């Protein structure tokens, strides 16, 4: 798994009644984009994450005109 600051960490739900979580990657502490990642979730909670198999990295697309 590789990420960069500004990417999103998408944590996919393991249960039908749970929502997925999305966090912004604030800091990459591993070498060459590898975990762990310091992230901020939508509720403002920040933490250090070692993502598992239920996670994916999403790179934001640039807006048209940027």
C-alpha atoms as a PDB file:
ATOM      1  CA  UNK A   1       0.000   0.000   0.000  1.00  0.00           C
ATOM      2  CA  UNK A   2       1.325   3.426  -0.987  1.00  0.00           C
ATOM      3  CA  UNK A   3      -0.110   6.826  -0.137  1.00  0.00           C
ATOM      4  CA  UNK A   4       0.765  10.506  -0.147  1.00  0.00           C
ATOM      5  CA  UNK A   5      -0.289  13.425   2.018  1.00  0.00           C
ATOM      6  CA  UNK A   6      -3.741  14.561   0.892  1.00  0.00           C
ATOM      7  CA  UNK A   7      -4.874  11.098  -0.220  1.00  0.00           C
ATOM      8  CA  UNK A   8      -7.857   9.498   1.495  1.00  0.00           C
ATOM      9  CA  UNK A   9      -7.841   6.281   3.475  1.00  0.00           C
ATOM     10  CA  UNK A  10     -11.137   4.458   2.884  1.00  0.00           C
ATOM     11  CA  UNK A  11     -11.926   1.919   5.614  1.00  0.00           C
ATOM     12  CA  UNK A  12     -14.573  -0.434   4.240  1.00  0.00           C
ATOM     13  CA  UNK A  13     -17.217  -1.653   6.672  1.00  0.00           C
ATOM     14  CA  UNK A  14     -17.185  -5.299   7.715  1.00  0.00           C
ATOM     15  CA  UNK A  15     -20.879  -5.312   8.646  1.00  0.00           C
ATOM     16  CA  UNK A  16     -24.016  -4.450   6.690  1.00  0.00           C
ATOM     17  CA  UNK A  17     -25.297  -1.953   9.272  1.00  0.00           C
ATOM     18  CA  UNK A  18     -21.988  -0.062   9.649  1.00  0.00           C
ATOM     19  CA  UNK A  19     -20.935   2.856   7.476  1.00  0.00           C
ATOM     20  CA  UNK A  20     -17.554   3.018   5.777  1.00  0.00           C
ATOM     21  CA  UNK A  21     -15.099   5.533   7.208  1.00  0.00           C
ATOM     22  CA  UNK A  22     -12.954   7.935   5.216  1.00  0.00           C
ATOM     23  CA  UNK A  23      -9.948   9.795   6.602  1.00  0.00           C
ATOM     24  CA  UNK A  24      -7.553  12.331   5.114  1.00  0.00           C
ATOM     25  CA  UNK A  25      -3.892  11.322   5.225  1.00  0.00           C
ATOM     26  CA  UNK A  26      -1.976  14.059   7.055  1.00  0.00           C
ATOM     27  CA  UNK A  27       1.420  12.374   7.305  1.00  0.00           C
ATOM     28  CA  UNK A  28       3.123   9.306   5.815  1.00  0.00           C
ATOM     29  CA  UNK A  29       5.568   7.814   8.312  1.00  0.00           C
ATOM     30  CA  UNK A  30       6.753   4.788   6.341  1.00  0.00           C
ATOM     31  CA  UNK A  31       9.305   4.733   3.545  1.00  0.00           C
ATOM     32  CA  UNK A  32       8.190   5.397  -0.040  1.00  0.00           C
ATOM     33  CA  UNK A  33       4.516   5.939   0.853  1.00  0.00           C
ATOM     34  CA  UNK A  34       4.203   2.926   3.141  1.00  0.00           C
ATOM     35  CA  UNK A  35       2.231   2.869   6.418  1.00  0.00           C
ATOM     36  CA  UNK A  36       1.780   3.921   9.135  1.00  0.00           C
ATOM     37  CA  UNK A  37      -0.277   6.999   8.297  1.00  0.00           C
ATOM     38  CA  UNK A  38      -1.370   9.859  10.518  1.00  0.00           C
ATOM     39  CA  UNK A  39      -4.986  10.516   9.520  1.00  0.00           C
ATOM     40  CA  UNK A  40      -7.942  12.767  10.361  1.00  0.00           C
ATOM     41  CA  UNK A  41     -11.465  11.385  10.206  1.00  0.00           C
ATOM     42  CA  UNK A  42     -14.527  13.493   9.320  1.00  0.00           C
ATOM     43  CA  UNK A  43     -15.435  13.899  13.006  1.00  0.00           C
ATOM     44  CA  UNK A  44     -12.038  15.547  13.666  1.00  0.00           C
ATOM     45  CA  UNK A  45     -10.483  12.524  15.377  1.00  0.00           C
ATOM     46  CA  UNK A  46      -6.807  12.062  14.475  1.00  0.00           C
ATOM     47  CA  UNK A  47      -4.744   8.945  14.884  1.00  0.00           C
ATOM     48  CA  UNK A  48      -1.967   6.717  13.622  1.00  0.00           C
ATOM     49  CA  UNK A  49      -3.255   3.940  11.349  1.00  0.00           C
ATOM     50  CA  UNK A  50      -1.688   0.712  10.124  1.00  0.00           C
ATOM     51  CA  UNK A  51      -4.287  -0.134   7.436  1.00  0.00           C
ATOM     52  CA  UNK A  52      -5.469  -3.699   6.968  1.00  0.00           C
ATOM     53  CA  UNK A  53      -7.053  -5.585   4.112  1.00  0.00           C
ATOM     54  CA  UNK A  54     -10.341  -3.727   4.585  1.00  0.00           C
ATOM     55  CA  UNK A  55      -8.724  -0.406   3.549  1.00  0.00           C
ATOM     56  CA  UNK A  56      -7.946   1.271   0.264  1.00  0.00           C
ATOM     57  CA  UNK A  57      -6.181   4.484  -0.758  1.00  0.00           C
ATOM     58  CA  UNK A  58      -8.044   7.046  -2.861  1.00  0.00           C
ATOM     59  CA  UNK A  59      -6.185   9.849  -4.608  1.00  0.00           C
ATOM     60  CA  UNK A  60      -8.320  12.963  -5.066  1.00  0.00           C
ATOM     61  CA  UNK A  61      -8.762  14.011  -8.684  1.00  0.00           C
ATOM     62  CA  UNK A  62      -7.763  17.559  -9.559  1.00  0.00           C
ATOM     63  CA  UNK A  63     -10.672  19.860 -10.240  1.00  0.00           C
ATOM     64  CA  UNK A  64     -11.283  20.998 -13.774  1.00  0.00           C
ATOM     65  CA  UNK A  65      -9.454  24.277 -14.356  1.00  0.00           C
ATOM     66  CA  UNK A  66      -6.808  23.616 -11.652  1.00  0.00           C
END
